[in-house]
Amino acid sequence: QAQLVESGGGLVQAGGSLRLSCVASGRIRGVNNAMGWYRQAPGKQRDLVASFTRDGNTIYADSVKDRFTISRNRARDTVYLQMNSLKPEDTAVYYCKTLFAGIEYWGRGTQVTVSS
């Protein structure tokens, strides 16, 4: 029942932009204070990209600072990741995640491919 669904991925040229969305439903709906975006490239670990902390602050990976922005619309139960100045090394599957009642919930991911 509880799920996160990502959308907005695609194929873009280097320097382009995408906006990813993550919609929460079920028991985790409305719980957005500990939601974040992660990415996983082939052969690599899944790493934090950007996140809201439990107290509502934001954190970013050094590699995306000043290029990516995390935001949310509580009324729509949605968290966004605006990605600008995309680089080929940003190519990965992007996942959203939240923590509720001590359990991690993950979306199934959306593919972002940045061509050179």
Protein backbone atom coordinates (compact mmCIF):
# COMPACT_ATOMS: atom_id res chain seq x y z
CA GLN A 1 0.00 0.00 0.00
CA ALA A 2 2.67 2.48 1.02
CA GLN A 3 4.79 3.42 -1.94
CA LEU A 4 6.93 6.04 -3.60
CA VAL A 5 6.74 6.54 -7.34
CA GLU A 6 9.39 8.49 -9.23
CA SER A 7 8.94 10.10 -12.60
CA GLY A 8 10.61 12.64 -14.84
CA GLY A 9 13.72 10.82 -15.92
CA GLY A 10 14.86 10.72 -19.49
CA LEU A 11 17.64 11.34 -21.94
CA VAL A 12 19.16 14.80 -22.09
CA GLN A 13 22.28 16.41 -23.45
CA ALA A 14 25.03 17.63 -21.18
CA GLY A 15 24.13 21.04 -19.84
CA GLY A 16 20.43 20.32 -19.97
CA SER A 17 17.88 20.10 -17.19
CA LEU A 18 15.35 17.65 -15.80
CA ARG A 19 12.91 17.75 -12.93
CA LEU A 20 12.22 14.53 -11.10
CA SER A 21 9.10 13.97 -9.04
CA CYS A 22 8.37 11.51 -6.27
CA VAL A 23 4.81 10.97 -5.10
CA ALA A 24 4.11 9.28 -1.80
CA SER A 25 0.98 7.27 -1.15
CA GLY A 26 -0.43 5.02 1.53
CA ARG A 27 0.79 5.12 5.11
CA ILE A 28 3.79 7.29 4.29
CA ARG A 29 1.67 9.95 2.63
CA GLY A 30 2.30 13.32 4.24
CA VAL A 31 5.56 12.23 5.82
CA ASN A 32 8.05 14.34 3.93
CA ASN A 33 10.53 15.58 6.51
CA ALA A 34 12.94 12.71 5.97
CA MET A 35 12.64 12.23 2.24
CA GLY A 36 15.55 12.26 -0.14
CA TRP A 37 16.92 11.41 -3.55
CA TYR A 38 19.59 8.82 -4.19
CA ARG A 39 21.21 7.57 -7.35
CA GLN A 40 22.98 4.46 -8.46
CA ALA A 41 25.18 4.17 -11.51
CA PRO A 42 26.20 0.79 -12.94
CA GLY A 43 28.77 -0.91 -10.75
CA LYS A 44 28.52 1.68 -8.00
CA GLN A 45 26.81 2.05 -4.67
CA ARG A 46 23.58 3.89 -4.21
CA ASP A 47 24.57 7.34 -2.98
CA LEU A 48 22.74 10.27 -1.48
CA VAL A 49 22.05 13.11 -3.90
CA ALA A 50 19.86 15.44 -1.88
CA SER A 51 17.62 15.07 1.12
CA PHE A 52 15.38 16.73 3.60
CA THR A 53 16.45 15.83 7.09
CA ARG A 54 13.92 14.91 9.76
CA ASP A 55 13.96 18.50 11.03
CA GLY A 56 13.32 19.96 7.57
CA ASN A 57 16.80 21.07 6.60
CA THR A 58 18.39 20.08 3.31
CA ILE A 59 21.64 18.37 2.49
CA TYR A 60 23.35 17.81 -0.85
CA ALA A 61 26.15 15.70 -2.18
CA ASP A 62 29.16 17.84 -3.01
CA SER A 63 28.97 16.70 -6.62
CA VAL A 64 25.53 18.28 -7.14
CA LYS A 65 25.69 21.39 -4.99
CA ASP A 66 24.69 24.53 -6.90
CA ARG A 67 23.24 22.40 -9.70
CA PHE A 68 20.45 20.40 -8.07
CA THR A 69 17.66 21.61 -5.82
CA ILE A 70 15.33 19.51 -3.70
CA SER A 71 11.88 20.88 -2.96
CA ARG A 72 8.48 19.63 -1.92
CA ASN A 73 4.78 20.29 -2.17
CA ARG A 74 3.11 18.80 0.88
CA ALA A 75 -0.38 19.31 -0.54
CA ARG A 76 0.56 17.07 -3.46
CA ASP A 77 2.58 14.62 -1.34
CA THR A 78 5.39 15.20 -3.78
CA VAL A 79 9.10 15.83 -3.55
CA TYR A 80 11.01 17.21 -6.51
CA LEU A 81 14.58 17.24 -7.66
CA GLN A 82 15.41 20.01 -10.10
CA MET A 83 18.58 19.08 -11.94
CA ASN A 84 20.39 21.75 -13.94
CA SER A 85 23.69 21.78 -15.79
CA LEU A 86 23.58 18.03 -16.09
CA LYS A 87 26.79 16.15 -16.71
CA PRO A 88 27.37 12.68 -18.15
CA GLU A 89 28.51 11.54 -14.71
CA ASP A 90 25.00 12.28 -13.44
CA THR A 91 23.77 9.31 -15.45
CA ALA A 92 22.16 6.87 -13.04
CA VAL A 93 18.91 5.46 -11.80
CA TYR A 94 17.46 7.97 -9.37
CA TYR A 95 15.48 6.75 -6.39
CA CYS A 96 13.48 8.54 -3.76
CA LYS A 97 13.43 7.34 -0.20
CA THR A 98 11.70 8.08 3.05
CA LEU A 99 11.85 6.73 6.57
CA PHE A 100 8.68 5.95 8.47
CA ALA A 101 8.35 4.12 11.77
CA GLY A 102 11.93 2.96 11.49
CA ILE A 103 11.42 1.43 8.04
CA GLU A 104 12.98 2.66 4.82
CA TYR A 105 10.68 3.00 1.83
CA TRP A 106 12.14 3.20 -1.66
CA GLY A 107 10.73 3.95 -5.05
CA ARG A 108 11.59 1.75 -7.99
CA GLY A 109 13.67 4.45 -9.64
CA THR A 110 13.70 6.54 -12.76
CA GLN A 111 16.50 6.47 -15.31
CA VAL A 112 18.43 9.64 -16.06
CA THR A 113 20.84 9.50 -18.96
CA VAL A 114 23.02 12.47 -19.87
CA SER A 115 24.77 12.34 -23.22
CA SER A 116 28.04 14.11 -23.91
